[in-house]
Amino acid sequence: MATTKKTAKIVGKDDLSHLVANRAHVALKEADMIIDALTETVREEVSKGHQVRLIGFGSWRLTPVSARTIKSIRGGRPVHLPAGKRVSFRAGTQLAEAAKAPILKRASRQATNTRSR
């Protein structure tokens, strides 16, 4: 697992394969195939315009993007960007709560330390 400047760990596909294999008690090759199958299926279904939803985890869908004009970072000239589609992901309730949990734990720990002084 790589780390960024803020010491946040980045879990890559290889790391994820190991974690899934351990959690599901399957061989590493099987876990890798499962992850590949999941990502390919999500990619295919979203590209067809379908919404892919994993309850509690999140959902992927295509979102229309309007045509717009932006300033070029080189020279500041206007550049026209045509309308298109972009993939959007919305976190499910359980994933969103899991993301908040470390912050809540840290905040309650700080409140406890402040009270004991």
Protein backbone atom coordinates (compact mmCIF):
# COMPACT_ATOMS: atom_id res chain seq x y z
CA MET A 1 0.00 0.00 0.00
CA ALA A 2 1.34 3.35 -1.03
CA THR A 3 1.03 6.45 1.11
CA THR A 4 0.46 10.07 0.15
CA LYS A 5 1.90 13.15 1.84
CA LYS A 6 -1.01 13.20 4.28
CA THR A 7 -0.20 9.58 5.23
CA ALA A 8 -3.48 8.31 3.75
CA LYS A 9 -3.02 4.77 2.45
CA ILE A 10 -3.84 4.03 -1.16
CA VAL A 11 -5.22 0.54 -1.68
CA GLY A 12 -4.45 -0.53 -5.24
CA LYS A 13 -5.91 -3.45 -7.15
CA ASP A 14 -3.18 -5.82 -5.98
CA ASP A 15 -3.75 -4.87 -2.34
CA LEU A 16 -7.50 -5.14 -2.80
CA SER A 17 -7.12 -8.62 -4.32
CA HIS A 18 -5.18 -9.78 -1.26
CA LEU A 19 -7.75 -8.28 1.12
CA VAL A 20 -10.68 -9.87 -0.75
CA ALA A 21 -8.93 -13.24 -0.91
CA ASN A 22 -8.35 -13.20 2.85
CA ARG A 23 -11.87 -11.99 3.69
CA ALA A 24 -13.65 -14.44 1.33
CA HIS A 25 -11.26 -17.36 2.03
CA VAL A 26 -10.54 -17.85 -1.67
CA ALA A 27 -7.36 -18.12 -3.70
CA LEU A 28 -5.68 -14.90 -4.81
CA LYS A 29 -6.35 -15.71 -8.49
CA GLU A 30 -10.05 -16.16 -7.75
CA ALA A 31 -10.23 -12.85 -5.89
CA ASP A 32 -8.48 -11.13 -8.80
CA MET A 33 -10.98 -12.66 -11.25
CA ILE A 34 -13.90 -11.54 -9.07
CA ILE A 35 -12.63 -7.96 -8.93
CA ASP A 36 -12.04 -7.96 -12.71
CA ALA A 37 -15.55 -9.35 -13.33
CA LEU A 38 -17.11 -6.71 -11.06
CA THR A 39 -15.29 -3.78 -12.65
CA GLU A 40 -15.94 -5.01 -16.21
CA THR A 41 -19.63 -5.55 -15.48
CA VAL A 42 -20.04 -2.11 -13.90
CA ARG A 43 -18.21 -0.52 -16.86
CA GLU A 44 -20.37 -2.36 -19.42
CA GLU A 45 -23.69 -1.63 -17.72
CA VAL A 46 -22.94 2.04 -17.09
CA SER A 47 -21.78 2.48 -20.70
CA LYS A 48 -25.21 1.12 -21.79
CA GLY A 49 -26.84 3.88 -19.74
CA HIS A 50 -27.91 1.62 -16.87
CA GLN A 51 -27.55 2.61 -13.24
CA VAL A 52 -25.55 0.07 -11.21
CA ARG A 53 -26.51 0.02 -7.54
CA LEU A 54 -24.96 -1.93 -4.66
CA ILE A 55 -27.21 -1.28 -1.68
CA GLY A 56 -25.20 0.20 1.19
CA PHE A 57 -22.09 0.71 -0.96
CA GLY A 58 -23.14 3.09 -3.70
CA SER A 59 -24.31 3.54 -7.26
CA TRP A 60 -22.77 4.46 -10.60
CA ARG A 61 -24.60 6.18 -13.44
CA LEU A 62 -24.06 8.34 -16.50
CA THR A 63 -24.73 12.03 -15.91
CA PRO A 64 -25.20 14.49 -18.78
CA VAL A 65 -22.75 17.39 -18.89
CA SER A 66 -23.69 20.61 -20.68
CA ALA A 67 -21.53 22.23 -23.32
CA ARG A 68 -19.48 25.04 -21.85
CA THR A 69 -16.67 27.47 -22.56
CA ILE A 70 -13.64 27.62 -20.30
CA LYS A 71 -10.44 29.67 -20.26
CA SER A 72 -7.34 27.92 -21.51
CA ILE A 73 -4.59 27.66 -18.91
CA ARG A 74 -2.18 28.61 -21.70
CA GLY A 75 -2.88 32.13 -22.83
CA GLY A 76 -6.37 32.42 -21.35
CA ARG A 77 -8.15 31.95 -24.68
CA PRO A 78 -11.71 30.60 -24.52
CA VAL A 79 -11.99 26.88 -25.29
CA HIS A 80 -15.34 25.28 -26.13
CA LEU A 81 -16.06 21.92 -24.48
CA PRO A 82 -18.89 19.99 -26.15
CA ALA A 83 -21.78 18.41 -24.23
CA GLY A 84 -21.15 14.87 -23.14
CA LYS A 85 -21.65 12.34 -20.39
CA ARG A 86 -19.64 11.57 -17.29
CA VAL A 87 -19.78 8.69 -14.87
CA SER A 88 -20.89 9.71 -11.40
CA PHE A 89 -20.70 7.68 -8.21
CA ARG A 90 -22.84 8.31 -5.18
CA ALA A 91 -21.84 6.65 -1.94
CA GLY A 92 -24.45 4.54 -0.19
CA THR A 93 -25.47 5.08 3.42
CA GLN A 94 -23.22 2.40 4.92
CA LEU A 95 -20.15 3.59 2.99
CA ALA A 96 -20.85 7.21 3.91
CA GLU A 97 -21.25 6.29 7.59
CA ALA A 98 -18.05 4.22 7.52
CA ALA A 99 -16.20 7.21 6.09
CA LYS A 100 -17.50 9.42 8.91
CA ALA A 101 -16.72 6.91 11.68
CA PRO A 102 -13.00 7.72 12.12
CA ILE A 103 -13.83 11.44 12.30
CA LEU A 104 -16.52 10.83 14.91
CA LYS A 105 -14.20 8.62 16.98
CA ARG A 106 -11.47 11.25 16.83
CA ALA A 107 -13.90 14.03 17.80
CA SER A 108 -15.29 12.07 20.76
CA ARG A 109 -11.76 11.21 21.91
CA GLN A 110 -10.78 14.90 21.76
CA ALA A 111 -13.91 15.87 23.69
CA THR A 112 -13.09 13.28 26.36
CA ASN A 113 -9.51 14.59 26.65
CA THR A 114 -10.76 18.18 26.94
CA ARG A 115 -13.21 17.26 29.72
CA SER A 116 -10.59 15.42 31.77
CA ARG A 117 -8.28 18.45 31.96
